[in-house]
Amino acid sequence: MSNPTSTASVVGRLANDPKVFENKDGSKKVMLTAFVDRGYTDAQSNRISDALPFEAFVRAQTTGIGPFAHVHKGDLVALGYEPRMNRYTKNGVEVFELKLEIQNISFLESRKTTRARLAERVTNAEARNQALQAQAPTPVVAVAPAVASASVVDEQLPFPTR
């Protein structure tokens, strides 16, 4: 059971598609980064965003990666999380590492909107791929060198072959 006084939530856009790492026991670790706006603007009226790294754990009994299979780069989500402090020793030095562990995720855009964004990304990637293929130089066909006769090779060696 979580401690309700040590939880937080943010609203932000995903900076990348979730990265999934499988653990030995079949569970999965999902990592993603969300751009979260600060609560104020600077002197030029620009809103500043911070890229926050989040982690989530998916149990081995869960098929696939659960709700994280439905989020992609650019999606607007609300993340409920708990801050965790991992403490370990590395090369004789005690290390403290803050982790933001996702407890729940809410989708703040319609499925139609997120699918349209994903389709646009695929179309743009295909167009870039075709442009790169058009710019690629024509492959050069290599011709195998003529093989010298054994007597010529024997004469060039600094030691006797017989």
C-alpha atoms as a PDB file:
ATOM      1  CA  MET A   1       0.000   0.000   0.000  1.00  0.00           C
ATOM      2  CA  SER A   2       1.362   3.375  -0.911  1.00  0.00           C
ATOM      3  CA  ASN A   3       1.651   6.358   1.360  1.00  0.00           C
ATOM      4  CA  PRO A   4      -0.752   8.996  -0.025  1.00  0.00           C
ATOM      5  CA  THR A   5       1.342  11.805   1.400  1.00  0.00           C
ATOM      6  CA  SER A   6       4.405  10.832  -0.634  1.00  0.00           C
ATOM      7  CA  THR A   7       2.826  10.738  -4.081  1.00  0.00           C
ATOM      8  CA  ALA A   8       2.645  13.337  -6.815  1.00  0.00           C
ATOM      9  CA  SER A   9       1.164  13.778 -10.274  1.00  0.00           C
ATOM     10  CA  VAL A  10       2.187  15.642 -13.390  1.00  0.00           C
ATOM     11  CA  VAL A  11       0.711  16.351 -16.799  1.00  0.00           C
ATOM     12  CA  GLY A  12       3.066  16.322 -19.742  1.00  0.00           C
ATOM     13  CA  ARG A  13       3.888  15.162 -23.241  1.00  0.00           C
ATOM     14  CA  LEU A  14       6.029  12.123 -23.826  1.00  0.00           C
ATOM     15  CA  ALA A  15       9.468  12.932 -25.213  1.00  0.00           C
ATOM     16  CA  ASN A  16       9.921   9.462 -26.696  1.00  0.00           C
ATOM     17  CA  ASP A  17       8.287   6.088 -27.099  1.00  0.00           C
ATOM     18  CA  PRO A  18       8.518   3.948 -23.966  1.00  0.00           C
ATOM     19  CA  LYS A  19      11.648   1.796 -23.680  1.00  0.00           C
ATOM     20  CA  VAL A  20      11.031  -1.691 -22.339  1.00  0.00           C
ATOM     21  CA  PHE A  21      13.548  -3.906 -20.551  1.00  0.00           C
ATOM     22  CA  GLU A  22      12.658  -7.474 -19.615  1.00  0.00           C
ATOM     23  CA  ASN A  23      13.780  -8.818 -16.242  1.00  0.00           C
ATOM     24  CA  LYS A  24      14.877 -12.402 -15.574  1.00  0.00           C
ATOM     25  CA  ASP A  25      11.631 -13.191 -13.739  1.00  0.00           C
ATOM     26  CA  GLY A  26       9.478 -12.164 -16.745  1.00  0.00           C
ATOM     27  CA  SER A  27       8.485  -8.785 -15.330  1.00  0.00           C
ATOM     28  CA  LYS A  28       9.316  -5.666 -17.322  1.00  0.00           C
ATOM     29  CA  LYS A  29      10.755  -2.246 -16.588  1.00  0.00           C
ATOM     30  CA  VAL A  30       9.323   0.570 -18.708  1.00  0.00           C
ATOM     31  CA  MET A  31      11.207   3.860 -18.977  1.00  0.00           C
ATOM     32  CA  LEU A  32       9.865   7.054 -20.483  1.00  0.00           C
ATOM     33  CA  THR A  33      10.520  10.779 -20.369  1.00  0.00           C
ATOM     34  CA  ALA A  34       7.807  13.420 -20.146  1.00  0.00           C
ATOM     35  CA  PHE A  35       8.125  17.149 -20.797  1.00  0.00           C
ATOM     36  CA  VAL A  36       6.331  18.873 -17.940  1.00  0.00           C
ATOM     37  CA  ASP A  37       5.605  22.611 -18.008  1.00  0.00           C
ATOM     38  CA  ARG A  38       6.569  24.705 -15.019  1.00  0.00           C
ATOM     39  CA  GLY A  39       3.868  26.762 -13.308  1.00  0.00           C
ATOM     40  CA  TYR A  40       5.156  30.116 -14.556  1.00  0.00           C
ATOM     41  CA  THR A  41       6.526  31.900 -17.623  1.00  0.00           C
ATOM     42  CA  ASP A  42       9.835  33.718 -18.023  1.00  0.00           C
ATOM     43  CA  ALA A  43      10.242  37.459 -18.774  1.00  0.00           C
ATOM     44  CA  GLN A  44       9.594  36.843 -22.500  1.00  0.00           C
ATOM     45  CA  SER A  45       6.332  34.960 -21.712  1.00  0.00           C
ATOM     46  CA  ASN A  46       7.856  31.601 -22.655  1.00  0.00           C
ATOM     47  CA  ARG A  47       6.731  28.577 -20.700  1.00  0.00           C
ATOM     48  CA  ILE A  48       9.671  26.467 -19.529  1.00  0.00           C
ATOM     49  CA  SER A  49       9.426  22.665 -19.601  1.00  0.00           C
ATOM     50  CA  ASP A  50      11.497  20.088 -17.764  1.00  0.00           C
ATOM     51  CA  ALA A  51      12.230  16.616 -19.127  1.00  0.00           C
ATOM     52  CA  LEU A  52      11.523  14.226 -16.254  1.00  0.00           C
ATOM     53  CA  PRO A  53      12.563  10.560 -16.428  1.00  0.00           C
ATOM     54  CA  PHE A  54      10.004   8.034 -15.169  1.00  0.00           C
ATOM     55  CA  GLU A  55      10.073   4.290 -14.561  1.00  0.00           C
ATOM     56  CA  ALA A  56       7.274   1.764 -14.265  1.00  0.00           C
ATOM     57  CA  PHE A  57       7.257  -1.924 -13.477  1.00  0.00           C
ATOM     58  CA  VAL A  58       4.939  -4.374 -15.176  1.00  0.00           C
ATOM     59  CA  ARG A  59       4.338  -7.699 -13.441  1.00  0.00           C
ATOM     60  CA  ALA A  60       5.207 -10.946 -15.188  1.00  0.00           C
ATOM     61  CA  GLN A  61       1.524 -11.985 -15.156  1.00  0.00           C
ATOM     62  CA  THR A  62       0.560  -8.924 -17.243  1.00  0.00           C
ATOM     63  CA  THR A  63       0.238  -9.548 -20.967  1.00  0.00           C
ATOM     64  CA  GLY A  64       2.587  -7.294 -22.929  1.00  0.00           C
ATOM     65  CA  ILE A  65       3.442  -4.021 -21.214  1.00  0.00           C
ATOM     66  CA  GLY A  66      -0.037  -3.084 -20.054  1.00  0.00           C
ATOM     67  CA  PRO A  67      -1.181   0.507 -20.646  1.00  0.00           C
ATOM     68  CA  PHE A  68       2.286   1.548 -21.820  1.00  0.00           C
ATOM     69  CA  ALA A  69       1.673  -0.258 -25.110  1.00  0.00           C
ATOM     70  CA  HIS A  70      -0.792   2.504 -26.000  1.00  0.00           C
ATOM     71  CA  VAL A  71       1.419   5.572 -25.477  1.00  0.00           C
ATOM     72  CA  HIS A  72       3.815   7.097 -27.965  1.00  0.00           C
ATOM     73  CA  LYS A  73       6.056  10.107 -28.402  1.00  0.00           C
ATOM     74  CA  GLY A  74       4.038  13.345 -28.224  1.00  0.00           C
ATOM     75  CA  ASP A  75       1.054  11.916 -26.320  1.00  0.00           C
ATOM     76  CA  LEU A  76      -0.401  14.034 -23.523  1.00  0.00           C
ATOM     77  CA  VAL A  77      -0.645  11.996 -20.312  1.00  0.00           C
ATOM     78  CA  ALA A  78      -1.140  12.435 -16.585  1.00  0.00           C
ATOM     79  CA  LEU A  79       1.291  10.408 -14.500  1.00  0.00           C
ATOM     80  CA  GLY A  80       0.790   9.583 -10.835  1.00  0.00           C
ATOM     81  CA  TYR A  81       4.122   8.649  -9.288  1.00  0.00           C
ATOM     82  CA  GLU A  82       6.049   8.062  -6.099  1.00  0.00           C
ATOM     83  CA  PRO A  83       9.585   9.353  -5.668  1.00  0.00           C
ATOM     84  CA  ARG A  84      12.047   6.603  -4.666  1.00  0.00           C
ATOM     85  CA  MET A  85      15.599   6.985  -3.418  1.00  0.00           C
ATOM     86  CA  ASN A  86      17.825   4.095  -4.469  1.00  0.00           C
ATOM     87  CA  ARG A  87      20.930   3.818  -2.321  1.00  0.00           C
ATOM     88  CA  TYR A  88      23.881   1.646  -3.299  1.00  0.00           C
ATOM     89  CA  THR A  89      27.680   1.549  -3.282  1.00  0.00           C
ATOM     90  CA  LYS A  90      29.623   1.849  -6.536  1.00  0.00           C
ATOM     91  CA  ASN A  91      33.441   1.707  -6.592  1.00  0.00           C
ATOM     92  CA  GLY A  92      33.480   2.253  -2.841  1.00  0.00           C
ATOM     93  CA  VAL A  93      31.352   5.408  -3.046  1.00  0.00           C
ATOM     94  CA  GLU A  94      27.816   5.553  -1.682  1.00  0.00           C
ATOM     95  CA  VAL A  95      25.407   6.640  -4.441  1.00  0.00           C
ATOM     96  CA  PHE A  96      21.921   8.089  -3.933  1.00  0.00           C
ATOM     97  CA  GLU A  97      19.728   7.966  -7.031  1.00  0.00           C
ATOM     98  CA  LEU A  98      16.251   9.506  -7.219  1.00  0.00           C
ATOM     99  CA  LYS A  99      13.698   7.516  -9.243  1.00  0.00           C
ATOM    100  CA  LEU A 100      10.191   8.631 -10.212  1.00  0.00           C
ATOM    101  CA  GLU A 101       8.150   5.425 -10.187  1.00  0.00           C
ATOM    102  CA  ILE A 102       4.847   5.554 -12.087  1.00  0.00           C
ATOM    103  CA  GLN A 103       1.873   4.251 -10.118  1.00  0.00           C
ATOM    104  CA  ASN A 104      -0.824   5.124 -12.665  1.00  0.00           C
ATOM    105  CA  ILE A 105      -1.200   6.696 -16.077  1.00  0.00           C
ATOM    106  CA  SER A 106      -4.157   8.548 -17.593  1.00  0.00           C
ATOM    107  CA  PHE A 107      -4.572   9.302 -21.271  1.00  0.00           C
ATOM    108  CA  LEU A 108      -5.601  12.928 -21.836  1.00  0.00           C
ATOM    109  CA  GLU A 109      -6.162  12.798 -25.600  1.00  0.00           C
ATOM    110  CA  SER A 110      -8.581  10.791 -27.672  1.00  0.00           C
ATOM    111  CA  ARG A 111      -7.447   7.606 -29.372  1.00  0.00           C
ATOM    112  CA  LYS A 112      -8.225   9.264 -32.727  1.00  0.00           C
ATOM    113  CA  THR A 113      -5.778  12.099 -31.971  1.00  0.00           C
ATOM    114  CA  THR A 114      -2.975   9.793 -30.851  1.00  0.00           C
ATOM    115  CA  ARG A 115      -3.427   7.467 -33.836  1.00  0.00           C
ATOM    116  CA  ALA A 116      -3.343  10.429 -36.234  1.00  0.00           C
ATOM    117  CA  ARG A 117      -0.075  11.632 -34.654  1.00  0.00           C
ATOM    118  CA  LEU A 118       1.411   8.135 -34.925  1.00  0.00           C
ATOM    119  CA  ALA A 119       0.313   7.812 -38.574  1.00  0.00           C
ATOM    120  CA  GLU A 120       1.938  11.185 -39.344  1.00  0.00           C
ATOM    121  CA  ARG A 121       5.203  10.023 -37.736  1.00  0.00           C
ATOM    122  CA  VAL A 122       5.163   6.847 -39.847  1.00  0.00           C
ATOM    123  CA  THR A 123       4.473   8.831 -43.040  1.00  0.00           C
ATOM    124  CA  ASN A 124       7.309  11.275 -42.266  1.00  0.00           C
ATOM    125  CA  ALA A 125       9.715   8.422 -41.496  1.00  0.00           C
ATOM    126  CA  GLU A 126       8.865   6.696 -44.781  1.00  0.00           C
ATOM    127  CA  ALA A 127       9.398   9.954 -46.699  1.00  0.00           C
ATOM    128  CA  ARG A 128      12.814  10.458 -45.022  1.00  0.00           C
ATOM    129  CA  ASN A 129      13.708   6.864 -45.840  1.00  0.00           C
ATOM    130  CA  GLN A 130      12.838   7.326 -49.509  1.00  0.00           C
ATOM    131  CA  ALA A 131      14.799  10.599 -49.660  1.00  0.00           C
ATOM    132  CA  LEU A 132      17.860   8.905 -48.153  1.00  0.00           C
ATOM    133  CA  GLN A 133      17.592   6.033 -50.616  1.00  0.00           C
ATOM    134  CA  ALA A 134      17.384   8.504 -53.513  1.00  0.00           C
ATOM    135  CA  GLN A 135      20.538  10.276 -52.264  1.00  0.00           C
ATOM    136  CA  ALA A 136      22.499   7.067 -51.735  1.00  0.00           C
ATOM    137  CA  PRO A 137      25.313   6.559 -54.252  1.00  0.00           C
ATOM    138  CA  THR A 138      24.957   3.812 -56.821  1.00  0.00           C
ATOM    139  CA  PRO A 139      26.649   0.660 -55.584  1.00  0.00           C
ATOM    140  CA  VAL A 140      29.944  -0.121 -57.271  1.00  0.00           C
ATOM    141  CA  VAL A 141      30.348  -3.649 -58.564  1.00  0.00           C
ATOM    142  CA  ALA A 142      33.674  -5.073 -57.483  1.00  0.00           C
ATOM    143  CA  VAL A 143      35.581  -7.170 -59.976  1.00  0.00           C
ATOM    144  CA  ALA A 144      37.645 -10.007 -58.573  1.00  0.00           C
ATOM    145  CA  PRO A 145      41.366  -9.668 -59.345  1.00  0.00           C
ATOM    146  CA  ALA A 146      42.931 -12.159 -61.691  1.00  0.00           C
ATOM    147  CA  VAL A 147      44.515 -15.090 -59.869  1.00  0.00           C
ATOM    148  CA  ALA A 148      48.249 -15.441 -60.478  1.00  0.00           C
ATOM    149  CA  SER A 149      49.578 -18.838 -61.430  1.00  0.00           C
ATOM    150  CA  ALA A 150      51.246 -20.907 -58.707  1.00  0.00           C
ATOM    151  CA  SER A 151      54.725 -20.574 -60.270  1.00  0.00           C
ATOM    152  CA  VAL A 152      54.568 -16.744 -60.166  1.00  0.00           C
ATOM    153  CA  VAL A 153      53.480 -16.819 -56.510  1.00  0.00           C
ATOM    154  CA  ASP A 154      56.248 -19.309 -55.628  1.00  0.00           C
ATOM    155  CA  GLU A 155      58.866 -17.040 -57.212  1.00  0.00           C
ATOM    156  CA  GLN A 156      57.688 -14.041 -55.119  1.00  0.00           C
ATOM    157  CA  LEU A 157      57.840 -15.824 -51.743  1.00  0.00           C
ATOM    158  CA  PRO A 158      61.023 -15.214 -49.692  1.00  0.00           C
ATOM    159  CA  PHE A 159      61.160 -18.871 -48.579  1.00  0.00           C
ATOM    160  CA  PRO A 160      61.044 -22.123 -50.511  1.00  0.00           C
ATOM    161  CA  THR A 161      57.606 -23.726 -50.807  1.00  0.00           C
ATOM    162  CA  ARG A 162      58.816 -27.220 -51.629  1.00  0.00           C
END
